[in-house]
C-alpha atoms as a PDB file:
ATOM      1  CA  MET A   1      -9.468 -54.830-143.028  1.00  0.00           C
ATOM      2  CA  SER A   2      -8.785 -51.839-145.163  1.00  0.00           C
ATOM      3  CA  GLN A   3      -7.280 -51.153-148.553  1.00  0.00           C
ATOM      4  CA  ARG A   4      -4.052 -50.394-146.672  1.00  0.00           C
ATOM      5  CA  ASP A   5      -4.068 -53.949-145.244  1.00  0.00           C
ATOM      6  CA  LEU A   6      -4.517 -55.339-148.754  1.00  0.00           C
ATOM      7  CA  LEU A   7      -1.570 -53.284-150.002  1.00  0.00           C
ATOM      8  CA  ARG A   8       0.559 -54.471-147.071  1.00  0.00           C
ATOM      9  CA  VAL A   9      -0.096 -58.087-148.075  1.00  0.00           C
ATOM     10  CA  CYS A  10       1.010 -57.192-151.602  1.00  0.00           C
ATOM     11  CA  GLU A  11       4.226 -55.625-150.254  1.00  0.00           C
ATOM     12  CA  ILE A  12       5.038 -58.798-148.336  1.00  0.00           C
ATOM     13  CA  LEU A  13       4.491 -60.996-151.395  1.00  0.00           C
ATOM     14  CA  ASP A  14       5.939 -58.743-154.102  1.00  0.00           C
ATOM     15  CA  LEU A  15       9.429 -60.083-153.390  1.00  0.00           C
ATOM     16  CA  TRP A  16       8.278 -63.711-153.454  1.00  0.00           C
ATOM     17  CA  PRO A  17       9.026 -65.016-156.964  1.00  0.00           C
ATOM     18  CA  HIS A  18       6.108 -67.464-157.192  1.00  0.00           C
ATOM     19  CA  ALA A  19       2.488 -67.174-158.276  1.00  0.00           C
ATOM     20  CA  TRP A  20       0.020 -65.758-155.769  1.00  0.00           C
ATOM     21  CA  TRP A  21      -3.447 -64.281-156.005  1.00  0.00           C
ATOM     22  CA  ILE A  22      -5.754 -62.302-153.791  1.00  0.00           C
ATOM     23  CA  ALA A  23      -8.804 -64.525-153.237  1.00  0.00           C
ATOM     24  CA  GLY A  24     -12.233 -64.301-151.601  1.00  0.00           C
ATOM     25  CA  GLY A  25     -14.193 -61.092-151.261  1.00  0.00           C
ATOM     26  CA  TRP A  26     -11.194 -58.891-151.957  1.00  0.00           C
ATOM     27  CA  ALA A  27     -10.789 -60.608-155.356  1.00  0.00           C
ATOM     28  CA  ILE A  28     -14.378 -59.705-156.220  1.00  0.00           C
ATOM     29  CA  ASP A  29     -13.752 -56.106-155.129  1.00  0.00           C
ATOM     30  CA  LEU A  30     -10.559 -55.929-157.208  1.00  0.00           C
ATOM     31  CA  HIS A  31     -12.473 -57.275-160.199  1.00  0.00           C
ATOM     32  CA  LEU A  32     -15.160 -54.609-159.774  1.00  0.00           C
ATOM     33  CA  SER A  33     -12.598 -51.878-158.956  1.00  0.00           C
ATOM     34  CA  THR A  34     -14.416 -50.886-155.777  1.00  0.00           C
ATOM     35  CA  GLN A  35     -14.447 -51.945-152.148  1.00  0.00           C
ATOM     36  CA  SER A  36     -17.994 -53.061-151.392  1.00  0.00           C
ATOM     37  CA  ARG A  37     -17.735 -53.812-147.691  1.00  0.00           C
ATOM     38  CA  GLY A  38     -15.399 -54.336-144.802  1.00  0.00           C
ATOM     39  CA  HIS A  39     -13.391 -57.537-144.931  1.00  0.00           C
ATOM     40  CA  HIS A  40     -12.239 -59.417-141.851  1.00  0.00           C
ATOM     41  CA  ASP A  41      -9.114 -60.759-143.586  1.00  0.00           C
ATOM     42  CA  VAL A  42      -7.184 -60.951-146.837  1.00  0.00           C
ATOM     43  CA  ASP A  43      -7.137 -64.448-148.331  1.00  0.00           C
ATOM     44  CA  VAL A  44      -4.151 -65.240-150.530  1.00  0.00           C
ATOM     45  CA  ALA A  45      -4.139 -68.200-152.906  1.00  0.00           C
ATOM     46  CA  VAL A  46      -0.825 -69.895-153.642  1.00  0.00           C
ATOM     47  CA  LEU A  47       0.044 -73.123-155.393  1.00  0.00           C
ATOM     48  CA  ARG A  48       0.490 -76.149-153.173  1.00  0.00           C
ATOM     49  CA  ARG A  49       3.714 -76.969-155.019  1.00  0.00           C
ATOM     50  CA  ASP A  50       5.215 -73.651-153.808  1.00  0.00           C
ATOM     51  CA  GLN A  51       4.364 -74.120-150.124  1.00  0.00           C
ATOM     52  CA  LEU A  52       7.924 -74.787-148.908  1.00  0.00           C
ATOM     53  CA  ASN A  53       9.138 -71.722-150.806  1.00  0.00           C
ATOM     54  CA  LEU A  54       6.433 -69.732-149.013  1.00  0.00           C
ATOM     55  CA  GLN A  55       7.551 -71.215-145.707  1.00  0.00           C
ATOM     56  CA  THR A  56      11.114 -70.039-146.412  1.00  0.00           C
ATOM     57  CA  HIS A  57       9.907 -66.595-147.518  1.00  0.00           C
ATOM     58  CA  LEU A  58       8.010 -66.211-144.238  1.00  0.00           C
ATOM     59  CA  ALA A  59      10.705 -67.793-142.053  1.00  0.00           C
ATOM     60  CA  ASP A  60      10.480 -65.007-139.455  1.00  0.00           C
ATOM     61  CA  TRP A  61       6.694 -65.407-139.115  1.00  0.00           C
ATOM     62  CA  GLY A  62       4.834 -67.821-136.852  1.00  0.00           C
ATOM     63  CA  LEU A  63       3.338 -70.383-139.225  1.00  0.00           C
ATOM     64  CA  SER A  64       0.395 -72.666-138.530  1.00  0.00           C
ATOM     65  CA  LYS A  65      -1.683 -75.048-140.600  1.00  0.00           C
ATOM     66  CA  VAL A  66      -5.373 -75.742-140.205  1.00  0.00           C
ATOM     67  CA  ALA A  67      -5.840 -79.469-139.695  1.00  0.00           C
ATOM     68  CA  ASN A  68      -9.076 -81.009-138.469  1.00  0.00           C
ATOM     69  CA  ARG A  69     -10.506 -77.478-138.059  1.00  0.00           C
ATOM     70  CA  SER A  70      -7.786 -76.531-135.564  1.00  0.00           C
ATOM     71  CA  LEU A  71      -4.614 -74.492-135.829  1.00  0.00           C
ATOM     72  CA  ALA A  72      -1.446 -76.512-135.358  1.00  0.00           C
ATOM     73  CA  PRO A  73       2.198 -75.516-135.788  1.00  0.00           C
ATOM     74  CA  TRP A  74       3.579 -75.964-139.296  1.00  0.00           C
ATOM     75  CA  PRO A  75       7.119 -77.294-138.761  1.00  0.00           C
ATOM     76  CA  ALA A  76       9.875 -76.272-141.168  1.00  0.00           C
ATOM     77  CA  GLY A  77      10.088 -78.638-144.125  1.00  0.00           C
ATOM     78  CA  GLU A  78       6.717 -80.322-143.566  1.00  0.00           C
ATOM     79  CA  VAL A  79       4.858 -80.768-146.855  1.00  0.00           C
ATOM     80  CA  LEU A  80       1.117 -80.237-146.447  1.00  0.00           C
ATOM     81  CA  SER A  81      -0.981 -82.737-148.375  1.00  0.00           C
ATOM     82  CA  PRO A  82      -4.725 -82.649-148.999  1.00  0.00           C
ATOM     83  CA  PRO A  83      -7.077 -82.163-147.302  1.00  0.00           C
ATOM     84  CA  VAL A  84      -4.913 -79.589-145.468  1.00  0.00           C
ATOM     85  CA  HIS A  85      -5.091 -76.401-147.521  1.00  0.00           C
ATOM     86  CA  GLU A  86      -4.995 -73.443-145.113  1.00  0.00           C
ATOM     87  CA  ILE A  87      -1.933 -71.739-143.616  1.00  0.00           C
ATOM     88  CA  HIS A  88      -1.883 -68.879-141.126  1.00  0.00           C
ATOM     89  CA  ALA A  89       1.129 -66.586-140.732  1.00  0.00           C
ATOM     90  CA  VAL A  90       1.456 -64.217-137.775  1.00  0.00           C
ATOM     91  CA  LYS A  91       4.096 -61.572-137.127  1.00  0.00           C
ATOM     92  CA  GLY A  92       3.337 -59.014-134.449  1.00  0.00           C
ATOM     93  CA  GLU A  93      -0.058 -57.545-135.299  1.00  0.00           C
ATOM     94  CA  GLU A  94      -0.019 -58.853-138.888  1.00  0.00           C
ATOM     95  CA  HIS A  95      -1.980 -61.975-139.761  1.00  0.00           C
ATOM     96  CA  LEU A  96      -2.016 -63.528-143.232  1.00  0.00           C
ATOM     97  CA  GLU A  97      -4.123 -66.441-144.443  1.00  0.00           C
ATOM     98  CA  PHE A  98      -2.921 -68.579-147.341  1.00  0.00           C
ATOM     99  CA  LEU A  99      -5.023 -71.073-149.258  1.00  0.00           C
ATOM    100  CA  LEU A 100      -3.189 -73.862-151.074  1.00  0.00           C
ATOM    101  CA  ASN A 101      -4.386 -74.489-154.620  1.00  0.00           C
ATOM    102  CA  ASP A 102      -3.555 -77.572-156.618  1.00  0.00           C
ATOM    103  CA  ALA A 103      -2.023 -77.505-160.087  1.00  0.00           C
ATOM    104  CA  ARG A 104      -0.448 -79.964-162.447  1.00  0.00           C
ATOM    105  CA  ALA A 105       1.920 -78.422-164.967  1.00  0.00           C
ATOM    106  CA  ASP A 106       0.156 -75.248-166.174  1.00  0.00           C
ATOM    107  CA  THR A 107      -3.354 -76.273-165.126  1.00  0.00           C
ATOM    108  CA  TRP A 108      -5.161 -75.374-161.900  1.00  0.00           C
ATOM    109  CA  HIS A 109      -7.428 -78.059-160.397  1.00  0.00           C
ATOM    110  CA  PHE A 110     -10.258 -77.412-157.966  1.00  0.00           C
ATOM    111  CA  ARG A 111      -9.284 -79.092-154.715  1.00  0.00           C
ATOM    112  CA  ARG A 112     -12.844 -80.246-154.027  1.00  0.00           C
ATOM    113  CA  ASN A 113     -13.192 -81.959-157.419  1.00  0.00           C
ATOM    114  CA  ASN A 114     -10.229 -82.474-159.762  1.00  0.00           C
ATOM    115  CA  GLU A 115     -12.577 -82.720-162.751  1.00  0.00           C
ATOM    116  CA  ILE A 116     -12.857 -78.936-162.532  1.00  0.00           C
ATOM    117  CA  SER A 117      -9.784 -77.260-163.985  1.00  0.00           C
ATOM    118  CA  MET A 118      -8.532 -74.185-165.786  1.00  0.00           C
ATOM    119  CA  PRO A 119      -5.246 -73.100-167.378  1.00  0.00           C
ATOM    120  CA  LEU A 120      -3.252 -71.076-164.844  1.00  0.00           C
ATOM    121  CA  ALA A 121      -3.031 -68.213-167.340  1.00  0.00           C
ATOM    122  CA  GLU A 122      -6.851 -67.907-167.311  1.00  0.00           C
ATOM    123  CA  LEU A 123      -6.978 -68.104-163.500  1.00  0.00           C
ATOM    124  CA  THR A 124      -5.013 -64.881-163.126  1.00  0.00           C
ATOM    125  CA  ARG A 125      -6.474 -61.398-163.342  1.00  0.00           C
ATOM    126  CA  ARG A 126      -4.800 -58.126-162.428  1.00  0.00           C
ATOM    127  CA  SER A 127      -6.290 -54.996-160.947  1.00  0.00           C
ATOM    128  CA  ALA A 128      -5.641 -51.595-162.521  1.00  0.00           C
ATOM    129  CA  SER A 129      -2.709 -51.212-160.108  1.00  0.00           C
ATOM    130  CA  GLY A 130      -1.299 -54.655-160.996  1.00  0.00           C
ATOM    131  CA  ILE A 131      -2.482 -56.709-158.003  1.00  0.00           C
ATOM    132  CA  PRO A 132      -2.988 -60.368-159.027  1.00  0.00           C
ATOM    133  CA  TYR A 133      -6.324 -61.888-158.067  1.00  0.00           C
ATOM    134  CA  LEU A 134      -8.268 -65.070-158.800  1.00  0.00           C
ATOM    135  CA  CYS A 135     -10.757 -64.792-161.639  1.00  0.00           C
ATOM    136  CA  PRO A 136     -14.292 -64.202-160.357  1.00  0.00           C
ATOM    137  CA  GLN A 137     -15.791 -67.482-161.571  1.00  0.00           C
ATOM    138  CA  VAL A 138     -13.286 -69.472-159.498  1.00  0.00           C
ATOM    139  CA  VAL A 139     -13.848 -67.253-156.453  1.00  0.00           C
ATOM    140  CA  LEU A 140     -17.595 -67.833-156.798  1.00  0.00           C
ATOM    141  CA  LEU A 141     -17.089 -71.592-157.126  1.00  0.00           C
ATOM    142  CA  TYR A 142     -15.289 -71.606-153.773  1.00  0.00           C
ATOM    143  CA  LYS A 143     -17.999 -69.422-152.229  1.00  0.00           C
ATOM    144  CA  ALA A 144     -20.791 -71.676-153.559  1.00  0.00           C
ATOM    145  CA  LYS A 145     -20.225 -74.549-151.111  1.00  0.00           C
ATOM    146  CA  HIS A 146     -21.980 -72.859-148.172  1.00  0.00           C
ATOM    147  CA  PRO A 147     -22.877 -69.347-149.340  1.00  0.00           C
ATOM    148  CA  ARG A 148     -23.207 -66.780-146.578  1.00  0.00           C
ATOM    149  CA  PRO A 149     -25.036 -63.475-147.103  1.00  0.00           C
ATOM    150  CA  VAL A 150     -21.740 -61.798-148.152  1.00  0.00           C
ATOM    151  CA  ASP A 151     -21.189 -64.558-150.733  1.00  0.00           C
ATOM    152  CA  GLU A 152     -24.705 -64.069-152.108  1.00  0.00           C
ATOM    153  CA  ASP A 153     -23.972 -60.336-152.313  1.00  0.00           C
ATOM    154  CA  ASP A 154     -20.679 -60.982-154.107  1.00  0.00           C
ATOM    155  CA  PHE A 155     -22.450 -63.246-156.606  1.00  0.00           C
ATOM    156  CA  GLY A 156     -25.124 -60.620-157.238  1.00  0.00           C
ATOM    157  CA  ARG A 157     -22.605 -57.801-157.637  1.00  0.00           C
ATOM    158  CA  VAL A 158     -20.326 -59.604-160.084  1.00  0.00           C
ATOM    159  CA  LEU A 159     -22.872 -61.586-162.124  1.00  0.00           C
ATOM    160  CA  SER A 160     -23.577 -58.852-164.683  1.00  0.00           C
ATOM    161  CA  ARG A 161     -19.828 -58.346-165.168  1.00  0.00           C
ATOM    162  CA  LEU A 162     -19.105 -61.980-166.043  1.00  0.00           C
ATOM    163  CA  LYS A 163     -18.387 -62.696-169.687  1.00  0.00           C
ATOM    164  CA  GLN A 164     -20.490 -65.411-171.307  1.00  0.00           C
ATOM    165  CA  SER A 165     -17.557 -67.848-171.241  1.00  0.00           C
ATOM    166  CA  GLU A 166     -17.053 -67.165-167.513  1.00  0.00           C
ATOM    167  CA  ARG A 167     -20.743 -67.785-166.822  1.00  0.00           C
ATOM    168  CA  GLU A 168     -20.628 -71.037-168.768  1.00  0.00           C
ATOM    169  CA  TRP A 169     -17.511 -72.204-166.923  1.00  0.00           C
ATOM    170  CA  LEU A 170     -19.116 -71.447-163.547  1.00  0.00           C
ATOM    171  CA  LYS A 171     -22.389 -73.086-164.574  1.00  0.00           C
ATOM    172  CA  ASP A 172     -20.595 -76.250-165.701  1.00  0.00           C
ATOM    173  CA  ALA A 173     -18.510 -76.327-162.507  1.00  0.00           C
ATOM    174  CA  LEU A 174     -21.548 -75.833-160.274  1.00  0.00           C
ATOM    175  CA  GLU A 175     -23.449 -78.592-162.081  1.00  0.00           C
ATOM    176  CA  VAL A 176     -20.577 -80.975-161.327  1.00  0.00           C
ATOM    177  CA  CYS A 177     -19.888 -79.881-157.733  1.00  0.00           C
ATOM    178  CA  HIS A 178     -23.252 -78.580-156.527  1.00  0.00           C
ATOM    179  CA  PRO A 179     -26.097 -79.897-158.721  1.00  0.00           C
ATOM    180  CA  GLY A 180     -29.240 -77.856-158.171  1.00  0.00           C
ATOM    181  CA  HIS A 181     -27.348 -74.884-156.676  1.00  0.00           C
ATOM    182  CA  GLN A 182     -29.529 -71.755-156.458  1.00  0.00           C
ATOM    183  CA  TRP A 183     -27.062 -69.728-158.568  1.00  0.00           C
ATOM    184  CA  LEU A 184     -27.532 -71.999-161.603  1.00  0.00           C
ATOM    185  CA  ARG A 185     -30.840 -70.393-162.554  1.00  0.00           C
ATOM    186  CA  HIS A 186     -29.086 -67.014-162.888  1.00  0.00           C
ATOM    187  CA  LEU A 187     -26.284 -68.290-165.110  1.00  0.00           C
END
């Protein structure tokens, strides 16, 4: 996927009046202001509580949920509860992937462990052109579960650009979720 694909996703969501963030590898690239590699998709994080609004916004798209590692239709009005957290939207040649994130009031909670949280205001970063993306320490926490070579590369590229408070947050989160993780020695 190219920068043009990323901008197309932004066009589609710019008229949606709810919080959304570019996630995954693209979020790391936006944070570093450079595209490091080719990406096979654009992951978009949205709040679980806004899922039916997203469904309405994308009413003319084919919508599916990932349940039990398989795509299944996402019927209108169905509320997706954990552990379901992934939505696919297809319209012609366009394919979007949405990741549901949990929040209570103004606080984001890590879906894999609710002990890990962050104020929504701190979760949000913006690129120079105004594109919202997830802060790098949260992106890395998601990538830490089963890091692939691209995830290791993302960690290495962004590590020196993390503020001390971001490093500490990630270190604390990794110690809770993944004790002994190989990234801890670098934080």
